Amino acid sequence: MLSVSFIGGQILMFIGGAHALAGEATDMYEEARSTVQQYPNAARPEEIIFVRGTTEAINLVANSYGRDILMAGDEIILSEMEHHANIVPWQMVAQMTGAIIRVIPTTDLD
C-alpha cells in the first residue's frame, strides 16, 4: 500500500518504505488509528480505515460489506436526494446480488 503524508514540510511515503522516516510515518499512522478508535468505540485499531474521501468510503462499504452481506430480495434504501456517487455503487451491488433498491421520497418541510 502506498500512502502519502505531509509531515514537517516533507512528503513521506509509508507503509512498507525502507527509509527511517517511512518507519516513523508508519508509526504515526498506526498511532492515529489508536487515537481515532475511541470515537466510534471500535474494538480494535485495525477496525479503523482511513480513506481519501466520502466516495472512496461508500465504494469500499458497498463493494466489501454490501457484496458479502446482501442477498436477492434484500432492500437497499436510498433517498431521492442522493449524490450519484452514492447511487452507482449500490446499483452495481444490487445487480450483482439481486438486492432491490428502494428510493424514499423527501418532503418539503416548509
PDB file of N, CA and C in Angstrom:
ATOM      1  N   MET A   1       0.852  -1.171   0.000  1.00  0.00           N
ATOM      2  CA  MET A   1       0.000   0.000   0.000  1.00  0.00           C
ATOM      3  C   MET A   1       0.893   1.228   0.000  1.00  0.00           C
ATOM      4  N   LEU A   2       0.562   2.189  -0.823  1.00  0.00           N
ATOM      5  CA  LEU A   2       1.349   3.397  -0.916  1.00  0.00           C
ATOM      6  C   LEU A   2       0.499   4.566  -0.465  1.00  0.00           C
ATOM      7  N   SER A   3       0.945   5.274   0.534  1.00  0.00           N
ATOM      8  CA  SER A   3       0.223   6.435   1.025  1.00  0.00           C
ATOM      9  C   SER A   3       1.196   7.582   1.154  1.00  0.00           C
ATOM     10  N   VAL A   4       0.659   8.781   1.160  1.00  0.00           N
ATOM     11  CA  VAL A   4       1.493   9.963   1.261  1.00  0.00           C
ATOM     12  C   VAL A   4       1.031  10.779   2.454  1.00  0.00           C
ATOM     13  N   SER A   5       1.986  11.267   3.229  1.00  0.00           N
ATOM     14  CA  SER A   5       1.668  12.108   4.367  1.00  0.00           C
ATOM     15  C   SER A   5       2.583  13.319   4.342  1.00  0.00           C
ATOM     16  N   PHE A   6       2.062  14.483   4.685  1.00  0.00           N
ATOM     17  CA  PHE A   6       2.859  15.699   4.755  1.00  0.00           C
ATOM     18  C   PHE A   6       3.233  15.931   6.210  1.00  0.00           C
ATOM     19  N   ILE A   7       4.493  15.763   6.534  1.00  0.00           N
ATOM     20  CA  ILE A   7       4.970  15.913   7.899  1.00  0.00           C
ATOM     21  C   ILE A   7       6.165  16.841   7.867  1.00  0.00           C
ATOM     22  N   GLY A   8       6.057  17.966   8.577  1.00  0.00           N
ATOM     23  CA  GLY A   8       7.175  18.893   8.647  1.00  0.00           C
ATOM     24  C   GLY A   8       7.616  19.408   7.294  1.00  0.00           C
ATOM     25  N   GLY A   9       6.671  19.572   6.366  1.00  0.00           N
ATOM     26  CA  GLY A   9       7.020  20.106   5.057  1.00  0.00           C
ATOM     27  C   GLY A   9       7.602  19.080   4.110  1.00  0.00           C
ATOM     28  N   GLN A  10       7.765  17.843   4.534  1.00  0.00           N
ATOM     29  CA  GLN A  10       8.305  16.802   3.666  1.00  0.00           C
ATOM     30  C   GLN A  10       7.202  15.842   3.275  1.00  0.00           C
ATOM     31  N   ILE A  11       7.320  15.308   2.090  1.00  0.00           N
ATOM     32  CA  ILE A  11       6.393  14.265   1.659  1.00  0.00           C
ATOM     33  C   ILE A  11       7.050  12.937   1.991  1.00  0.00           C
ATOM     34  N   LEU A  12       6.347  12.133   2.772  1.00  0.00           N
ATOM     35  CA  LEU A  12       6.894  10.838   3.182  1.00  0.00           C
ATOM     36  C   LEU A  12       6.029   9.714   2.632  1.00  0.00           C
ATOM     37  N   MET A  13       6.642   8.749   2.002  1.00  0.00           N
ATOM     38  CA  MET A  13       5.943   7.545   1.596  1.00  0.00           C
ATOM     39  C   MET A  13       6.041   6.567   2.766  1.00  0.00           C
ATOM     40  N   PHE A  14       4.932   5.947   3.098  1.00  0.00           N
ATOM     41  CA  PHE A  14       4.995   4.998   4.199  1.00  0.00           C
ATOM     42  C   PHE A  14       4.196   3.755   3.901  1.00  0.00           C
ATOM     43  N   ILE A  15       4.147   2.849   4.844  1.00  0.00           N
ATOM     44  CA  ILE A  15       3.598   1.511   4.736  1.00  0.00           C
ATOM     45  C   ILE A  15       4.499   0.712   3.780  1.00  0.00           C
ATOM     46  N   GLY A  16       5.518   0.178   4.323  1.00  0.00           N
ATOM     47  CA  GLY A  16       6.413  -0.668   3.540  1.00  0.00           C
ATOM     48  C   GLY A  16       7.645   0.048   3.036  1.00  0.00           C
ATOM     49  N   GLY A  17       7.814   1.340   3.350  1.00  0.00           N
ATOM     50  CA  GLY A  17       9.004   2.060   2.906  1.00  0.00           C
ATOM     51  C   GLY A  17      10.216   1.638   3.710  1.00  0.00           C
ATOM     52  N   ALA A  18      11.395   1.725   3.095  1.00  0.00           N
ATOM     53  CA  ALA A  18      12.628   1.293   3.756  1.00  0.00           C
ATOM     54  C   ALA A  18      13.321   2.432   4.498  1.00  0.00           C
ATOM     55  N   HIS A  19      13.027   3.658   4.180  1.00  0.00           N
ATOM     56  CA  HIS A  19      13.679   4.809   4.792  1.00  0.00           C
ATOM     57  C   HIS A  19      13.243   4.940   6.248  1.00  0.00           C
ATOM     58  N   ALA A  20      14.137   5.448   7.091  1.00  0.00           N
ATOM     59  CA  ALA A  20      13.833   5.610   8.520  1.00  0.00           C
ATOM     60  C   ALA A  20      12.610   6.493   8.728  1.00  0.00           C
ATOM     61  N   LEU A  21      12.476   7.545   7.927  1.00  0.00           N
ATOM     62  CA  LEU A  21      11.307   8.410   8.060  1.00  0.00           C
ATOM     63  C   LEU A  21      10.023   7.684   7.685  1.00  0.00           C
ATOM     64  N   ALA A  22      10.110   6.713   6.783  1.00  0.00           N
ATOM     65  CA  ALA A  22       8.932   5.926   6.427  1.00  0.00           C
ATOM     66  C   ALA A  22       8.470   5.115   7.630  1.00  0.00           C
ATOM     67  N   GLY A  23       9.413   4.571   8.387  1.00  0.00           N
ATOM     68  CA  GLY A  23       9.059   3.829   9.596  1.00  0.00           C
ATOM     69  C   GLY A  23       8.406   4.734  10.625  1.00  0.00           C
ATOM     70  N   GLU A  24       8.937   5.937  10.768  1.00  0.00           N
ATOM     71  CA  GLU A  24       8.364   6.899  11.718  1.00  0.00           C
ATOM     72  C   GLU A  24       6.952   7.303  11.277  1.00  0.00           C
ATOM     73  N   ALA A  25       6.779   7.527   9.975  1.00  0.00           N
ATOM     74  CA  ALA A  25       5.460   7.895   9.455  1.00  0.00           C
ATOM     75  C   ALA A  25       4.459   6.759   9.648  1.00  0.00           C
ATOM     76  N   THR A  26       4.913   5.530   9.442  1.00  0.00           N
ATOM     77  CA  THR A  26       4.035   4.376   9.654  1.00  0.00           C
ATOM     78  C   THR A  26       3.608   4.290  11.110  1.00  0.00           C
ATOM     79  N   ASP A  27       4.545   4.523  12.019  1.00  0.00           N
ATOM     80  CA  ASP A  27       4.212   4.514  13.450  1.00  0.00           C
ATOM     81  C   ASP A  27       3.171   5.585  13.777  1.00  0.00           C
ATOM     82  N   MET A  28       3.341   6.772  13.204  1.00  0.00           N
ATOM     83  CA  MET A  28       2.387   7.858  13.443  1.00  0.00           C
ATOM     84  C   MET A  28       1.005   7.513  12.883  1.00  0.00           C
ATOM     85  N   TYR A  29       0.981   6.890  11.737  1.00  0.00           N
ATOM     86  CA  TYR A  29      -0.258   6.463  11.094  1.00  0.00           C
ATOM     87  C   TYR A  29      -0.993   5.465  11.989  1.00  0.00           C
ATOM     88  N   GLU A  30      -0.258   4.493  12.508  1.00  0.00           N
ATOM     89  CA  GLU A  30      -0.866   3.475  13.371  1.00  0.00           C
ATOM     90  C   GLU A  30      -1.298   4.069  14.717  1.00  0.00           C
ATOM     91  N   GLU A  31      -0.539   5.024  15.234  1.00  0.00           N
ATOM     92  CA  GLU A  31      -0.950   5.716  16.462  1.00  0.00           C
ATOM     93  C   GLU A  31      -2.255   6.479  16.237  1.00  0.00           C
ATOM     94  N   ALA A  32      -2.391   7.061  15.059  1.00  0.00           N
ATOM     95  CA  ALA A  32      -3.625   7.779  14.733  1.00  0.00           C
ATOM     96  C   ALA A  32      -4.819   6.827  14.757  1.00  0.00           C
ATOM     97  N   ARG A  33      -4.639   5.610  14.265  1.00  0.00           N
ATOM     98  CA  ARG A  33      -5.719   4.611  14.337  1.00  0.00           C
ATOM     99  C   ARG A  33      -6.153   4.387  15.777  1.00  0.00           C
ATOM    100  N   SER A  34      -5.168   4.259  16.675  1.00  0.00           N
ATOM    101  CA  SER A  34      -5.477   4.016  18.091  1.00  0.00           C
ATOM    102  C   SER A  34      -6.208   5.205  18.703  1.00  0.00           C
ATOM    103  N   THR A  35      -5.813   6.409  18.309  1.00  0.00           N
ATOM    104  CA  THR A  35      -6.472   7.606  18.828  1.00  0.00           C
ATOM    105  C   THR A  35      -7.909   7.688  18.332  1.00  0.00           C
ATOM    106  N   VAL A  36      -8.104   7.462  17.047  1.00  0.00           N
ATOM    107  CA  VAL A  36      -9.430   7.566  16.440  1.00  0.00           C
ATOM    108  C   VAL A  36     -10.344   6.435  16.901  1.00  0.00           C
ATOM    109  N   GLN A  37      -9.783   5.305  17.256  1.00  0.00           N
ATOM    110  CA  GLN A  37     -10.535   4.116  17.661  1.00  0.00           C
ATOM    111  C   GLN A  37     -11.583   4.417  18.719  1.00  0.00           C
ATOM    112  N   GLN A  38     -11.298   5.327  19.635  1.00  0.00           N
ATOM    113  CA  GLN A  38     -12.213   5.607  20.742  1.00  0.00           C
ATOM    114  C   GLN A  38     -13.495   6.314  20.293  1.00  0.00           C
ATOM    115  N   TYR A  39     -13.460   7.064  19.201  1.00  0.00           N
ATOM    116  CA  TYR A  39     -14.618   7.859  18.813  1.00  0.00           C
ATOM    117  C   TYR A  39     -15.791   7.025  18.322  1.00  0.00           C
ATOM    118  N   PRO A  40     -15.588   6.047  17.442  1.00  0.00           N
ATOM    119  CA  PRO A  40     -16.720   5.189  17.085  1.00  0.00           C
ATOM    120  C   PRO A  40     -16.823   3.969  18.004  1.00  0.00           C
ATOM    121  N   ASN A  41     -16.001   3.947  19.073  1.00  0.00           N
ATOM    122  CA  ASN A  41     -15.989   2.833  20.025  1.00  0.00           C
ATOM    123  C   ASN A  41     -15.622   1.515  19.335  1.00  0.00           C
ATOM    124  N   ALA A  42     -14.627   1.567  18.468  1.00  0.00           N
ATOM    125  CA  ALA A  42     -14.156   0.366  17.776  1.00  0.00           C
ATOM    126  C   ALA A  42     -13.453  -0.560  18.765  1.00  0.00           C
ATOM    127  N   ALA A  43     -13.570  -1.839  18.551  1.00  0.00           N
ATOM    128  CA  ALA A  43     -12.959  -2.814  19.459  1.00  0.00           C
ATOM    129  C   ALA A  43     -11.438  -2.860  19.307  1.00  0.00           C
ATOM    130  N   ARG A  44     -10.942  -2.642  18.071  1.00  0.00           N
ATOM    131  CA  ARG A  44      -9.505  -2.730  17.810  1.00  0.00           C
ATOM    132  C   ARG A  44      -9.095  -1.609  16.849  1.00  0.00           C
ATOM    133  N   PRO A  45      -7.858  -1.158  16.919  1.00  0.00           N
ATOM    134  CA  PRO A  45      -7.398  -0.134  15.970  1.00  0.00           C
ATOM    135  C   PRO A  45      -7.501  -0.581  14.514  1.00  0.00           C
ATOM    136  N   GLU A  46      -7.384  -1.872  14.261  1.00  0.00           N
ATOM    137  CA  GLU A  46      -7.457  -2.386  12.894  1.00  0.00           C
ATOM    138  C   GLU A  46      -8.832  -2.181  12.266  1.00  0.00           C
ATOM    139  N   GLU A  47      -9.827  -1.864  13.088  1.00  0.00           N
ATOM    140  CA  GLU A  47     -11.167  -1.600  12.564  1.00  0.00           C
ATOM    141  C   GLU A  47     -11.281  -0.196  11.977  1.00  0.00           C
ATOM    142  N   ILE A  48     -10.289   0.635  12.200  1.00  0.00           N
ATOM    143  CA  ILE A  48     -10.286   1.998  11.685  1.00  0.00           C
ATOM    144  C   ILE A  48      -9.595   2.001  10.324  1.00  0.00           C
ATOM    145  N   ILE A  49     -10.306   2.481   9.328  1.00  0.00           N
ATOM    146  CA  ILE A  49      -9.770   2.532   7.971  1.00  0.00           C
ATOM    147  C   ILE A  49      -9.818   3.979   7.513  1.00  0.00           C
ATOM    148  N   PHE A  50      -8.681   4.494   7.117  1.00  0.00           N
ATOM    149  CA  PHE A  50      -8.620   5.853   6.593  1.00  0.00           C
ATOM    150  C   PHE A  50      -8.776   5.808   5.080  1.00  0.00           C
ATOM    151  N   VAL A  51      -9.636   6.661   4.561  1.00  0.00           N
ATOM    152  CA  VAL A  51      -9.842   6.774   3.121  1.00  0.00           C
ATOM    153  C   VAL A  51      -9.655   8.229   2.712  1.00  0.00           C
ATOM    154  N   ARG A  52      -9.569   8.452   1.413  1.00  0.00           N
ATOM    155  CA  ARG A  52      -9.317   9.812   0.923  1.00  0.00           C
ATOM    156  C   ARG A  52     -10.562  10.678   0.908  1.00  0.00           C
ATOM    157  N   GLY A  53     -11.745  10.076   0.885  1.00  0.00           N
ATOM    158  CA  GLY A  53     -12.959  10.884   0.826  1.00  0.00           C
ATOM    159  C   GLY A  53     -14.202  10.020   0.911  1.00  0.00           C
ATOM    160  N   THR A  54     -15.340  10.685   0.871  1.00  0.00           N
ATOM    161  CA  THR A  54     -16.623  10.012   1.021  1.00  0.00           C
ATOM    162  C   THR A  54     -16.885   9.013  -0.103  1.00  0.00           C
ATOM    163  N   THR A  55     -16.576   9.393  -1.332  1.00  0.00           N
ATOM    164  CA  THR A  55     -16.823   8.494  -2.460  1.00  0.00           C
ATOM    165  C   THR A  55     -16.044   7.196  -2.304  1.00  0.00           C
ATOM    166  N   GLU A  56     -14.786   7.303  -1.912  1.00  0.00           N
ATOM    167  CA  GLU A  56     -13.990   6.097  -1.697  1.00  0.00           C
ATOM    168  C   GLU A  56     -14.578   5.255  -0.567  1.00  0.00           C
ATOM    169  N   ALA A  57     -15.041   5.905   0.490  1.00  0.00           N
ATOM    170  CA  ALA A  57     -15.622   5.179   1.621  1.00  0.00           C
ATOM    171  C   ALA A  57     -16.894   4.440   1.220  1.00  0.00           C
ATOM    172  N   ILE A  58     -17.767   5.111   0.469  1.00  0.00           N
ATOM    173  CA  ILE A  58     -19.007   4.468   0.023  1.00  0.00           C
ATOM    174  C   ILE A  58     -18.696   3.267  -0.867  1.00  0.00           C
ATOM    175  N   ASN A  59     -17.762   3.443  -1.793  1.00  0.00           N
ATOM    176  CA  ASN A  59     -17.379   2.327  -2.660  1.00  0.00           C
ATOM    177  C   ASN A  59     -16.804   1.170  -1.860  1.00  0.00           C
ATOM    178  N   LEU A  60     -16.013   1.476  -0.858  1.00  0.00           N
ATOM    179  CA  LEU A  60     -15.429   0.434  -0.011  1.00  0.00           C
ATOM    180  C   LEU A  60     -16.517  -0.353   0.715  1.00  0.00           C
ATOM    181  N   VAL A  61     -17.468   0.355   1.303  1.00  0.00           N
ATOM    182  CA  VAL A  61     -18.559  -0.316   2.027  1.00  0.00           C
ATOM    183  C   VAL A  61     -19.420  -1.128   1.061  1.00  0.00           C
ATOM    184  N   ALA A  62     -19.813  -0.522  -0.037  1.00  0.00           N
ATOM    185  CA  ALA A  62     -20.688  -1.218  -0.988  1.00  0.00           C
ATOM    186  C   ALA A  62     -20.015  -2.458  -1.567  1.00  0.00           C
ATOM    187  N   ASN A  63     -18.736  -2.335  -1.916  1.00  0.00           N
ATOM    188  CA  ASN A  63     -18.055  -3.434  -2.601  1.00  0.00           C
ATOM    189  C   ASN A  63     -17.428  -4.458  -1.672  1.00  0.00           C
ATOM    190  N   SER A  64     -17.464  -4.227  -0.396  1.00  0.00           N
ATOM    191  CA  SER A  64     -16.980  -5.248   0.539  1.00  0.00           C
ATOM    192  C   SER A  64     -18.166  -5.762   1.346  1.00  0.00           C
ATOM    193  N   TYR A  65     -18.615  -4.986   2.265  1.00  0.00           N
ATOM    194  CA  TYR A  65     -19.738  -5.374   3.120  1.00  0.00           C
ATOM    195  C   TYR A  65     -20.988  -5.664   2.292  1.00  0.00           C
ATOM    196  N   GLY A  66     -21.353  -4.742   1.408  1.00  0.00           N
ATOM    197  CA  GLY A  66     -22.582  -4.903   0.629  1.00  0.00           C
ATOM    198  C   GLY A  66     -22.605  -6.169  -0.206  1.00  0.00           C
ATOM    199  N   ARG A  67     -21.531  -6.434  -0.919  1.00  0.00           N
ATOM    200  CA  ARG A  67     -21.490  -7.629  -1.777  1.00  0.00           C
ATOM    201  C   ARG A  67     -21.481  -8.914  -0.961  1.00  0.00           C
ATOM    202  N   ASP A  68     -20.904  -8.874   0.235  1.00  0.00           N
ATOM    203  CA  ASP A  68     -20.824 -10.080   1.062  1.00  0.00           C
ATOM    204  C   ASP A  68     -22.104 -10.352   1.845  1.00  0.00           C
ATOM    205  N   ILE A  69     -22.827  -9.312   2.218  1.00  0.00           N
ATOM    206  CA  ILE A  69     -23.975  -9.453   3.122  1.00  0.00           C
ATOM    207  C   ILE A  69     -25.315  -9.482   2.395  1.00  0.00           C
ATOM    208  N   LEU A  70     -25.463  -8.643   1.375  1.00  0.00           N
ATOM    209  CA  LEU A  70     -26.759  -8.533   0.708  1.00  0.00           C
ATOM    210  C   LEU A  70     -27.060  -9.763  -0.143  1.00  0.00           C
ATOM    211  N   MET A  71     -28.346 -10.125  -0.164  1.00  0.00           N
ATOM    212  CA  MET A  71     -28.801 -11.276  -0.940  1.00  0.00           C
ATOM    213  C   MET A  71     -30.008 -10.869  -1.773  1.00  0.00           C
ATOM    214  N   ALA A  72     -30.399 -11.734  -2.677  1.00  0.00           N
ATOM    215  CA  ALA A  72     -31.568 -11.481  -3.518  1.00  0.00           C
ATOM    216  C   ALA A  72     -32.774 -11.160  -2.638  1.00  0.00           C
ATOM    217  N   GLY A  73     -33.451 -10.078  -2.977  1.00  0.00           N
ATOM    218  CA  GLY A  73     -34.637  -9.670  -2.238  1.00  0.00           C
ATOM    219  C   GLY A  73     -34.361  -8.684  -1.112  1.00  0.00           C
ATOM    220  N   ASP A  74     -33.113  -8.590  -0.646  1.00  0.00           N
ATOM    221  CA  ASP A  74     -32.786  -7.585   0.358  1.00  0.00           C
ATOM    222  C   ASP A  74     -33.002  -6.200  -0.245  1.00  0.00           C
ATOM    223  N   GLU A  75     -33.262  -5.234   0.614  1.00  0.00           N
ATOM    224  CA  GLU A  75     -33.532  -3.888   0.128  1.00  0.00           C
ATOM    225  C   GLU A  75     -32.437  -2.914   0.536  1.00  0.00           C
ATOM    226  N   ILE A  76     -32.026  -2.110  -0.422  1.00  0.00           N
ATOM    227  CA  ILE A  76     -31.073  -1.029  -0.203  1.00  0.00           C
ATOM    228  C   ILE A  76     -31.892   0.256  -0.244  1.00  0.00           C
ATOM    229  N   ILE A  77     -31.879   1.013   0.844  1.00  0.00           N
ATOM    230  CA  ILE A  77     -32.694   2.214   0.939  1.00  0.00           C
ATOM    231  C   ILE A  77     -31.837   3.440   0.645  1.00  0.00           C
ATOM    232  N   LEU A  78     -32.245   4.210  -0.366  1.00  0.00           N
ATOM    233  CA  LEU A  78     -31.590   5.464  -0.720  1.00  0.00           C
ATOM    234  C   LEU A  78     -32.651   6.550  -0.760  1.00  0.00           C
ATOM    235  N   SER A  79     -32.253   7.780  -0.562  1.00  0.00           N
ATOM    236  CA  SER A  79     -33.216   8.874  -0.695  1.00  0.00           C
ATOM    237  C   SER A  79     -33.134   9.432  -2.111  1.00  0.00           C
ATOM    238  N   GLU A  80     -34.155  10.165  -2.512  1.00  0.00           N
ATOM    239  CA  GLU A  80     -34.163  10.741  -3.846  1.00  0.00           C
ATOM    240  C   GLU A  80     -33.176  11.901  -3.977  1.00  0.00           C
ATOM    241  N   MET A  81     -32.545  12.273  -2.877  1.00  0.00           N
ATOM    242  CA  MET A  81     -31.583  13.371  -2.901  1.00  0.00           C
ATOM    243  C   MET A  81     -30.133  12.899  -2.909  1.00  0.00           C
ATOM    244  N   GLU A  82     -29.901  11.605  -3.041  1.00  0.00           N
ATOM    245  CA  GLU A  82     -28.532  11.084  -3.019  1.00  0.00           C
ATOM    246  C   GLU A  82     -27.706  11.617  -4.177  1.00  0.00           C
ATOM    247  N   HIS A  83     -26.450  11.835  -3.912  1.00  0.00           N
ATOM    248  CA  HIS A  83     -25.491  12.175  -4.955  1.00  0.00           C
ATOM    249  C   HIS A  83     -25.239  10.912  -5.766  1.00  0.00           C
ATOM    250  N   HIS A  84     -24.977  11.067  -7.056  1.00  0.00           N
ATOM    251  CA  HIS A  84     -24.783   9.875  -7.899  1.00  0.00           C
ATOM    252  C   HIS A  84     -23.642   8.999  -7.406  1.00  0.00           C
ATOM    253  N   ALA A  85     -22.666   9.596  -6.701  1.00  0.00           N
ATOM    254  CA  ALA A  85     -21.547   8.799  -6.181  1.00  0.00           C
ATOM    255  C   ALA A  85     -22.012   7.833  -5.095  1.00  0.00           C
ATOM    256  N   ASN A  86     -23.193   8.078  -4.516  1.00  0.00           N
ATOM    257  CA  ASN A  86     -23.743   7.135  -3.541  1.00  0.00           C
ATOM    258  C   ASN A  86     -24.774   6.211  -4.184  1.00  0.00           C
ATOM    259  N   ILE A  87     -25.204   6.508  -5.367  1.00  0.00           N
ATOM    260  CA  ILE A  87     -26.195   5.660  -6.038  1.00  0.00           C
ATOM    261  C   ILE A  87     -25.523   4.545  -6.844  1.00  0.00           C
ATOM    262  N   VAL A  88     -24.552   4.916  -7.636  1.00  0.00           N
ATOM    263  CA  VAL A  88     -23.931   3.959  -8.568  1.00  0.00           C
ATOM    264  C   VAL A  88     -23.348   2.728  -7.873  1.00  0.00           C
ATOM    265  N   PRO A  89     -22.577   2.885  -6.773  1.00  0.00           N
ATOM    266  CA  PRO A  89     -22.045   1.667  -6.137  1.00  0.00           C
ATOM    267  C   PRO A  89     -23.151   0.721  -5.670  1.00  0.00           C
ATOM    268  N   TRP A  90     -24.256   1.284  -5.171  1.00  0.00           N
ATOM    269  CA  TRP A  90     -25.356   0.439  -4.695  1.00  0.00           C
ATOM    270  C   TRP A  90     -26.109  -0.191  -5.856  1.00  0.00           C
ATOM    271  N   GLN A  91     -26.207   0.517  -6.989  1.00  0.00           N
ATOM    272  CA  GLN A  91     -26.818  -0.081  -8.172  1.00  0.00           C
ATOM    273  C   GLN A  91     -26.008  -1.290  -8.631  1.00  0.00           C
ATOM    274  N   MET A  92     -24.698  -1.151  -8.610  1.00  0.00           N
ATOM    275  CA  MET A  92     -23.827  -2.252  -9.022  1.00  0.00           C
ATOM    276  C   MET A  92     -23.959  -3.436  -8.070  1.00  0.00           C
ATOM    277  N   VAL A  93     -24.000  -3.151  -6.769  1.00  0.00           N
ATOM    278  CA  VAL A  93     -24.150  -4.228  -5.779  1.00  0.00           C
ATOM    279  C   VAL A  93     -25.504  -4.898  -5.937  1.00  0.00           C
ATOM    280  N   ALA A  94     -26.542  -4.108  -6.161  1.00  0.00           N
ATOM    281  CA  ALA A  94     -27.879  -4.683  -6.349  1.00  0.00           C
ATOM    282  C   ALA A  94     -27.897  -5.598  -7.568  1.00  0.00           C
ATOM    283  N   GLN A  95     -27.246  -5.182  -8.634  1.00  0.00           N
ATOM    284  CA  GLN A  95     -27.189  -6.005  -9.850  1.00  0.00           C
ATOM    285  C   GLN A  95     -26.449  -7.316  -9.589  1.00  0.00           C
ATOM    286  N   MET A  96     -25.376  -7.257  -8.802  1.00  0.00           N
ATOM    287  CA  MET A  96     -24.578  -8.457  -8.520  1.00  0.00           C
ATOM    288  C   MET A  96     -25.274  -9.416  -7.561  1.00  0.00           C
ATOM    289  N   THR A  97     -26.040  -8.864  -6.600  1.00  0.00           N
ATOM    290  CA  THR A  97     -26.593  -9.692  -5.531  1.00  0.00           C
ATOM    291  C   THR A  97     -28.072 -10.008  -5.683  1.00  0.00           C
ATOM    292  N   GLY A  98     -28.759  -9.255  -6.523  1.00  0.00           N
ATOM    293  CA  GLY A  98     -30.208  -9.428  -6.629  1.00  0.00           C
ATOM    294  C   GLY A  98     -30.964  -8.617  -5.600  1.00  0.00           C
ATOM    295  N   ALA A  99     -30.269  -7.760  -4.863  1.00  0.00           N
ATOM    296  CA  ALA A  99     -30.940  -6.877  -3.910  1.00  0.00           C
ATOM    297  C   ALA A  99     -31.763  -5.846  -4.681  1.00  0.00           C
ATOM    298  N   ILE A 100     -32.699  -5.231  -4.001  1.00  0.00           N
ATOM    299  CA  ILE A 100     -33.609  -4.265  -4.614  1.00  0.00           C
ATOM    300  C   ILE A 100     -33.321  -2.885  -4.036  1.00  0.00           C
ATOM    301  N   ILE A 101     -33.225  -1.897  -4.908  1.00  0.00           N
ATOM    302  CA  ILE A 101     -33.043  -0.526  -4.437  1.00  0.00           C
ATOM    303  C   ILE A 101     -34.411   0.113  -4.265  1.00  0.00           C
ATOM    304  N   ARG A 102     -34.639   0.677  -3.092  1.00  0.00           N
ATOM    305  CA  ARG A 102     -35.864   1.419  -2.803  1.00  0.00           C
ATOM    306  C   ARG A 102     -35.452   2.867  -2.581  1.00  0.00           C
ATOM    307  N   VAL A 103     -36.143   3.762  -3.237  1.00  0.00           N
ATOM    308  CA  VAL A 103     -35.858   5.182  -3.102  1.00  0.00           C
ATOM    309  C   VAL A 103     -36.971   5.821  -2.276  1.00  0.00           C
ATOM    310  N   ILE A 104     -36.577   6.409  -1.157  1.00  0.00           N
ATOM    311  CA  ILE A 104     -37.567   7.062  -0.318  1.00  0.00           C
ATOM    312  C   ILE A 104     -37.675   8.529  -0.730  1.00  0.00           C
ATOM    313  N   PRO A 105     -38.892   9.048  -0.718  1.00  0.00           N
ATOM    314  CA  PRO A 105     -39.072  10.445  -1.105  1.00  0.00           C
ATOM    315  C   PRO A 105     -38.625  11.382   0.015  1.00  0.00           C
ATOM    316  N   THR A 106     -38.320  12.577  -0.381  1.00  0.00           N
ATOM    317  CA  THR A 106     -38.061  13.617   0.615  1.00  0.00           C
ATOM    318  C   THR A 106     -39.278  14.525   0.632  1.00  0.00           C
ATOM    319  N   THR A 107     -39.483  15.166   1.734  1.00  0.00           N
ATOM    320  CA  THR A 107     -40.656  16.041   1.840  1.00  0.00           C
ATOM    321  C   THR A 107     -40.186  17.474   2.042  1.00  0.00           C
ATOM    322  N   ASP A 108     -41.013  18.382   1.611  1.00  0.00           N
ATOM    323  CA  ASP A 108     -40.752  19.800   1.786  1.00  0.00           C
ATOM    324  C   ASP A 108     -41.168  20.171   3.201  1.00  0.00           C
ATOM    325  N   LEU A 109     -40.251  20.677   3.962  1.00  0.00           N
ATOM    326  CA  LEU A 109     -40.538  20.994   5.362  1.00  0.00           C
ATOM    327  C   LEU A 109     -41.048  22.420   5.552  1.00  0.00           C
ATOM    328  N   ASP A 110     -41.304  23.130   4.453  1.00  0.00           N
ATOM    329  CA  ASP A 110     -41.834  24.495   4.554  1.00  0.00           C
ATOM    330  C   ASP A 110     -43.255  24.509   5.036  1.00  0.00           C
TER     331      ASP A 110
END
